[in-house]
Amino acid sequence: MVLEIYNPVGLSFEDYVAISQCARTLSDGYDQKDKVRVRAALASHVTVDYSKVVPAWGSKEFQAETFVDEWLGPSHLGIQALATQHLLGAPYFMSVSQDMIIVEWQQLASHGRRIDGEDFANPMCKIGESSDGRSWMQQTYTKVNGQWRISVIRPEVIYHTGNFLEVGRADGAPAGGAQSRSG
């Protein structure tokens, strides 16, 4: 059996850079809990499919503003005790056309829970619990006013260290009974 590696025809260097910048803007927005950055990376309508990470979450459709408010809210990445870093590795371009580009990134999503009583705004705040997720992050990009923006987010977990849901429990929730939905 021979594996055919997809070689996108028509992918300009400018589009490659635009896709990379957009993906990085979303990741930085997540980690900085910055709604303006997250919104800047998104198309007006977003599909989020977390069914291969946390099956109970499934796939949902959002208006961009609703997605930003929910995912940077107190049930996901907006948890104040939660520190994250979403690192994107090498991209694999799965499909390229003039209207849509699908990219699968290697991803390390690191989640750390700050210790209660610490100054959460201090970058040296101690982390008491952690969970790192290794995954592939598939993103679909569409053109919005001539700019590439993310319209579909679909991670697929390879493995996790630590207890992902426990680390991402809501602020003030006791350890051991997490019902959180961090991402």
C-alpha atoms as a PDB file:
ATOM      1  CA  MET A   1       0.000   0.000   0.000  1.00  0.00           C
ATOM      2  CA  VAL A   2       1.267   3.460  -0.910  1.00  0.00           C
ATOM      3  CA  LEU A   3       0.207   6.545   1.003  1.00  0.00           C
ATOM      4  CA  GLU A   4      -0.496   9.473  -1.255  1.00  0.00           C
ATOM      5  CA  ILE A   5       0.429  12.714   0.529  1.00  0.00           C
ATOM      6  CA  TYR A   6      -1.929  15.513  -0.421  1.00  0.00           C
ATOM      7  CA  ASN A   7      -0.065  18.341  -2.103  1.00  0.00           C
ATOM      8  CA  PRO A   8      -2.352  21.369  -2.315  1.00  0.00           C
ATOM      9  CA  VAL A   9      -2.353  23.036  -5.686  1.00  0.00           C
ATOM     10  CA  GLY A  10      -3.186  26.718  -5.688  1.00  0.00           C
ATOM     11  CA  LEU A  11      -2.246  27.409  -2.074  1.00  0.00           C
ATOM     12  CA  SER A  12      -0.450  30.727  -2.177  1.00  0.00           C
ATOM     13  CA  PHE A  13       2.187  31.726   0.335  1.00  0.00           C
ATOM     14  CA  GLU A  14      -0.084  34.621   1.331  1.00  0.00           C
ATOM     15  CA  ASP A  15      -2.943  32.198   2.085  1.00  0.00           C
ATOM     16  CA  TYR A  16      -0.578  29.956   4.071  1.00  0.00           C
ATOM     17  CA  VAL A  17       0.530  32.912   6.195  1.00  0.00           C
ATOM     18  CA  ALA A  18      -3.064  34.148   6.617  1.00  0.00           C
ATOM     19  CA  ILE A  19      -4.214  30.701   7.804  1.00  0.00           C
ATOM     20  CA  SER A  20      -1.267  30.459  10.216  1.00  0.00           C
ATOM     21  CA  GLN A  21      -1.926  33.949  11.611  1.00  0.00           C
ATOM     22  CA  CYS A  22      -5.627  33.225  12.056  1.00  0.00           C
ATOM     23  CA  ALA A  23      -4.988  29.916  13.854  1.00  0.00           C
ATOM     24  CA  ARG A  24      -2.438  31.544  16.152  1.00  0.00           C
ATOM     25  CA  THR A  25      -4.832  34.423  16.898  1.00  0.00           C
ATOM     26  CA  LEU A  26      -7.496  31.945  18.039  1.00  0.00           C
ATOM     27  CA  SER A  27      -5.026  30.032  20.244  1.00  0.00           C
ATOM     28  CA  ASP A  28      -3.659  33.227  21.776  1.00  0.00           C
ATOM     29  CA  GLY A  29      -7.191  34.478  22.383  1.00  0.00           C
ATOM     30  CA  TYR A  30      -8.051  31.268  24.229  1.00  0.00           C
ATOM     31  CA  ASP A  31      -4.934  31.457  26.398  1.00  0.00           C
ATOM     32  CA  GLN A  32      -5.214  35.169  27.145  1.00  0.00           C
ATOM     33  CA  LYS A  33      -8.993  34.928  27.666  1.00  0.00           C
ATOM     34  CA  ASP A  34      -9.231  37.711  25.078  1.00  0.00           C
ATOM     35  CA  LYS A  35     -12.660  37.889  23.434  1.00  0.00           C
ATOM     36  CA  VAL A  36     -11.505  40.370  20.790  1.00  0.00           C
ATOM     37  CA  ARG A  37      -8.766  38.013  19.555  1.00  0.00           C
ATOM     38  CA  VAL A  38     -11.039  34.971  19.529  1.00  0.00           C
ATOM     39  CA  ARG A  39     -13.761  36.843  17.633  1.00  0.00           C
ATOM     40  CA  ALA A  40     -11.236  38.188  15.096  1.00  0.00           C
ATOM     41  CA  ALA A  41     -10.320  34.619  14.094  1.00  0.00           C
ATOM     42  CA  LEU A  42     -13.887  33.451  13.464  1.00  0.00           C
ATOM     43  CA  ALA A  43     -16.363  33.489  10.611  1.00  0.00           C
ATOM     44  CA  SER A  44     -19.827  34.769  11.548  1.00  0.00           C
ATOM     45  CA  HIS A  45     -21.102  31.215  12.066  1.00  0.00           C
ATOM     46  CA  VAL A  46     -19.009  28.502  13.757  1.00  0.00           C
ATOM     47  CA  THR A  47     -19.449  24.746  14.115  1.00  0.00           C
ATOM     48  CA  VAL A  48     -17.637  23.237  17.095  1.00  0.00           C
ATOM     49  CA  ASP A  49     -17.372  19.462  17.213  1.00  0.00           C
ATOM     50  CA  TYR A  50     -15.791  18.210  20.445  1.00  0.00           C
ATOM     51  CA  SER A  51     -17.366  14.744  20.152  1.00  0.00           C
ATOM     52  CA  LYS A  52     -13.939  13.075  19.783  1.00  0.00           C
ATOM     53  CA  VAL A  53     -12.618  14.801  22.936  1.00  0.00           C
ATOM     54  CA  VAL A  54     -15.634  14.803  25.274  1.00  0.00           C
ATOM     55  CA  PRO A  55     -18.427  12.831  23.539  1.00  0.00           C
ATOM     56  CA  ALA A  56     -21.133  14.346  25.783  1.00  0.00           C
ATOM     57  CA  TRP A  57     -20.407  17.801  24.341  1.00  0.00           C
ATOM     58  CA  GLY A  58     -21.077  16.651  20.784  1.00  0.00           C
ATOM     59  CA  SER A  59     -21.228  19.122  17.934  1.00  0.00           C
ATOM     60  CA  LYS A  60     -22.850  22.561  18.191  1.00  0.00           C
ATOM     61  CA  GLU A  61     -23.561  25.464  15.873  1.00  0.00           C
ATOM     62  CA  PHE A  62     -22.890  29.009  17.108  1.00  0.00           C
ATOM     63  CA  GLN A  63     -23.082  32.582  15.974  1.00  0.00           C
ATOM     64  CA  ALA A  64     -19.524  33.842  16.489  1.00  0.00           C
ATOM     65  CA  GLU A  65     -20.404  36.190  19.361  1.00  0.00           C
ATOM     66  CA  THR A  66     -22.287  33.425  21.179  1.00  0.00           C
ATOM     67  CA  PHE A  67     -19.318  31.075  20.767  1.00  0.00           C
ATOM     68  CA  VAL A  68     -16.918  33.689  22.172  1.00  0.00           C
ATOM     69  CA  ASP A  69     -19.159  34.385  25.164  1.00  0.00           C
ATOM     70  CA  GLU A  70     -19.670  30.684  25.924  1.00  0.00           C
ATOM     71  CA  TRP A  71     -16.108  29.450  25.388  1.00  0.00           C
ATOM     72  CA  LEU A  72     -14.514  32.325  27.268  1.00  0.00           C
ATOM     73  CA  GLY A  73     -17.233  32.153  29.915  1.00  0.00           C
ATOM     74  CA  PRO A  74     -17.210  30.542  33.383  1.00  0.00           C
ATOM     75  CA  SER A  75     -17.907  27.014  32.101  1.00  0.00           C
ATOM     76  CA  HIS A  76     -15.019  26.763  29.644  1.00  0.00           C
ATOM     77  CA  LEU A  77     -11.782  28.707  29.190  1.00  0.00           C
ATOM     78  CA  GLY A  78     -13.025  31.720  31.171  1.00  0.00           C
ATOM     79  CA  ILE A  79     -12.570  29.856  34.447  1.00  0.00           C
ATOM     80  CA  GLN A  80     -10.289  32.203  36.382  1.00  0.00           C
ATOM     81  CA  ALA A  81      -8.346  29.406  38.074  1.00  0.00           C
ATOM     82  CA  LEU A  82      -7.606  27.822  34.679  1.00  0.00           C
ATOM     83  CA  ALA A  83      -4.397  28.605  32.826  1.00  0.00           C
ATOM     84  CA  THR A  84      -4.012  27.222  29.318  1.00  0.00           C
ATOM     85  CA  GLN A  85      -1.605  27.110  26.451  1.00  0.00           C
ATOM     86  CA  HIS A  86      -2.729  25.820  23.072  1.00  0.00           C
ATOM     87  CA  LEU A  87       0.325  25.054  20.942  1.00  0.00           C
ATOM     88  CA  LEU A  88      -0.079  24.303  17.252  1.00  0.00           C
ATOM     89  CA  GLY A  89       2.474  22.153  15.480  1.00  0.00           C
ATOM     90  CA  ALA A  90       2.916  21.377  11.815  1.00  0.00           C
ATOM     91  CA  PRO A  91      -0.168  21.894   9.654  1.00  0.00           C
ATOM     92  CA  TYR A  92      -1.435  19.299   7.193  1.00  0.00           C
ATOM     93  CA  PHE A  93      -3.525  20.870   4.463  1.00  0.00           C
ATOM     94  CA  MET A  94      -6.329  18.404   3.797  1.00  0.00           C
ATOM     95  CA  SER A  95      -8.254  20.372   1.189  1.00  0.00           C
ATOM     96  CA  VAL A  96      -7.662  23.668  -0.583  1.00  0.00           C
ATOM     97  CA  SER A  97     -10.052  25.573  -2.829  1.00  0.00           C
ATOM     98  CA  GLN A  98     -10.665  29.240  -3.505  1.00  0.00           C
ATOM     99  CA  ASP A  99     -13.528  29.297  -0.973  1.00  0.00           C
ATOM    100  CA  MET A 100     -12.460  26.836   1.705  1.00  0.00           C
ATOM    101  CA  ILE A 101      -9.279  25.454   3.243  1.00  0.00           C
ATOM    102  CA  ILE A 102      -9.247  22.544   5.701  1.00  0.00           C
ATOM    103  CA  VAL A 103      -6.157  22.203   7.879  1.00  0.00           C
ATOM    104  CA  GLU A 104      -5.308  19.609  10.495  1.00  0.00           C
ATOM    105  CA  TRP A 105      -2.794  20.871  13.048  1.00  0.00           C
ATOM    106  CA  GLN A 106      -0.823  18.902  15.595  1.00  0.00           C
ATOM    107  CA  GLN A 107      -1.888  20.369  18.947  1.00  0.00           C
ATOM    108  CA  LEU A 108      -0.826  20.328  22.567  1.00  0.00           C
ATOM    109  CA  ALA A 109      -3.516  21.842  24.776  1.00  0.00           C
ATOM    110  CA  SER A 110      -2.052  22.333  28.239  1.00  0.00           C
ATOM    111  CA  HIS A 111      -4.441  23.043  31.130  1.00  0.00           C
ATOM    112  CA  GLY A 112      -3.238  24.057  34.585  1.00  0.00           C
ATOM    113  CA  ARG A 113      -5.363  24.825  37.622  1.00  0.00           C
ATOM    114  CA  ARG A 114      -4.023  27.676  39.718  1.00  0.00           C
ATOM    115  CA  ILE A 115      -3.905  27.158  43.480  1.00  0.00           C
ATOM    116  CA  ASP A 116      -6.733  28.894  45.364  1.00  0.00           C
ATOM    117  CA  GLY A 117      -5.533  31.940  47.290  1.00  0.00           C
ATOM    118  CA  GLU A 118      -2.805  32.743  44.739  1.00  0.00           C
ATOM    119  CA  ASP A 119      -2.824  35.901  42.595  1.00  0.00           C
ATOM    120  CA  PHE A 120      -4.249  34.492  39.352  1.00  0.00           C
ATOM    121  CA  ALA A 121      -3.055  37.569  37.423  1.00  0.00           C
ATOM    122  CA  ASN A 122       0.571  36.824  38.316  1.00  0.00           C
ATOM    123  CA  PRO A 123       2.218  34.637  35.663  1.00  0.00           C
ATOM    124  CA  MET A 124       4.244  32.984  38.432  1.00  0.00           C
ATOM    125  CA  CYS A 125       1.043  31.819  40.152  1.00  0.00           C
ATOM    126  CA  LYS A 126       1.470  28.229  41.286  1.00  0.00           C
ATOM    127  CA  ILE A 127      -0.292  25.440  39.430  1.00  0.00           C
ATOM    128  CA  GLY A 128      -1.672  22.669  41.631  1.00  0.00           C
ATOM    129  CA  GLU A 129      -3.206  20.360  39.008  1.00  0.00           C
ATOM    130  CA  SER A 130      -2.578  19.896  35.316  1.00  0.00           C
ATOM    131  CA  SER A 131      -3.849  18.020  32.300  1.00  0.00           C
ATOM    132  CA  ASP A 132      -2.296  18.084  28.867  1.00  0.00           C
ATOM    133  CA  GLY A 133      -4.183  16.950  25.806  1.00  0.00           C
ATOM    134  CA  ARG A 134      -2.401  15.820  22.693  1.00  0.00           C
ATOM    135  CA  SER A 135      -4.661  16.076  19.689  1.00  0.00           C
ATOM    136  CA  TRP A 136      -5.168  16.886  16.092  1.00  0.00           C
ATOM    137  CA  MET A 137      -7.071  20.124  15.597  1.00  0.00           C
ATOM    138  CA  GLN A 138      -8.957  20.281  12.334  1.00  0.00           C
ATOM    139  CA  GLN A 139     -10.047  23.773  11.341  1.00  0.00           C
ATOM    140  CA  THR A 140     -12.050  24.760   8.307  1.00  0.00           C
ATOM    141  CA  TYR A 141     -11.415  28.249   6.953  1.00  0.00           C
ATOM    142  CA  THR A 142     -13.785  30.257   4.777  1.00  0.00           C
ATOM    143  CA  LYS A 143     -13.415  33.690   3.250  1.00  0.00           C
ATOM    144  CA  VAL A 144     -15.019  36.598   5.090  1.00  0.00           C
ATOM    145  CA  ASN A 145     -14.627  39.933   3.333  1.00  0.00           C
ATOM    146  CA  GLY A 146     -11.577  38.557   1.535  1.00  0.00           C
ATOM    147  CA  GLN A 147      -9.943  37.223   4.744  1.00  0.00           C
ATOM    148  CA  TRP A 148      -9.635  33.608   5.893  1.00  0.00           C
ATOM    149  CA  ARG A 149     -11.605  32.932   9.080  1.00  0.00           C
ATOM    150  CA  ILE A 150     -12.363  29.757  11.039  1.00  0.00           C
ATOM    151  CA  SER A 151     -15.825  28.282  10.492  1.00  0.00           C
ATOM    152  CA  VAL A 152     -15.341  24.748  11.896  1.00  0.00           C
ATOM    153  CA  ILE A 153     -13.309  23.586  14.916  1.00  0.00           C
ATOM    154  CA  ARG A 154     -12.921  19.821  15.320  1.00  0.00           C
ATOM    155  CA  PRO A 155     -10.281  18.427  17.711  1.00  0.00           C
ATOM    156  CA  GLU A 156      -9.555  14.720  17.960  1.00  0.00           C
ATOM    157  CA  VAL A 157      -7.747  13.607  21.080  1.00  0.00           C
ATOM    158  CA  ILE A 158      -4.745  11.301  20.892  1.00  0.00           C
ATOM    159  CA  TYR A 159      -4.327  11.117  24.685  1.00  0.00           C
ATOM    160  CA  HIS A 160      -4.609  13.155  27.882  1.00  0.00           C
ATOM    161  CA  THR A 161      -2.442  13.325  30.950  1.00  0.00           C
ATOM    162  CA  GLY A 162      -4.138  14.235  34.205  1.00  0.00           C
ATOM    163  CA  ASN A 163      -7.884  14.628  34.613  1.00  0.00           C
ATOM    164  CA  PHE A 164      -9.015  17.102  31.952  1.00  0.00           C
ATOM    165  CA  LEU A 165     -12.521  17.699  33.363  1.00  0.00           C
ATOM    166  CA  GLU A 166     -11.317  17.932  36.958  1.00  0.00           C
ATOM    167  CA  VAL A 167      -8.652  20.543  36.146  1.00  0.00           C
ATOM    168  CA  GLY A 168     -11.286  22.557  34.262  1.00  0.00           C
ATOM    169  CA  ARG A 169     -13.941  22.496  36.983  1.00  0.00           C
ATOM    170  CA  ALA A 170     -15.785  25.741  37.676  1.00  0.00           C
ATOM    171  CA  ASP A 171     -14.236  28.394  39.909  1.00  0.00           C
ATOM    172  CA  GLY A 172     -15.011  27.628  43.545  1.00  0.00           C
ATOM    173  CA  ALA A 173     -16.018  24.014  42.836  1.00  0.00           C
ATOM    174  CA  PRO A 174     -14.421  21.504  45.187  1.00  0.00           C
ATOM    175  CA  ALA A 175     -11.908  19.017  43.831  1.00  0.00           C
ATOM    176  CA  GLY A 176     -13.240  15.574  43.105  1.00  0.00           C
ATOM    177  CA  GLY A 177     -16.646  16.375  41.646  1.00  0.00           C
ATOM    178  CA  ALA A 178     -15.979  18.284  38.453  1.00  0.00           C
ATOM    179  CA  GLN A 179     -18.811  18.923  36.074  1.00  0.00           C
ATOM    180  CA  SER A 180     -16.880  21.556  34.115  1.00  0.00           C
ATOM    181  CA  ARG A 181     -16.704  22.016  30.389  1.00  0.00           C
ATOM    182  CA  SER A 182     -13.294  23.591  29.829  1.00  0.00           C
ATOM    183  CA  GLY A 183     -11.823  23.362  26.337  1.00  0.00           C
END
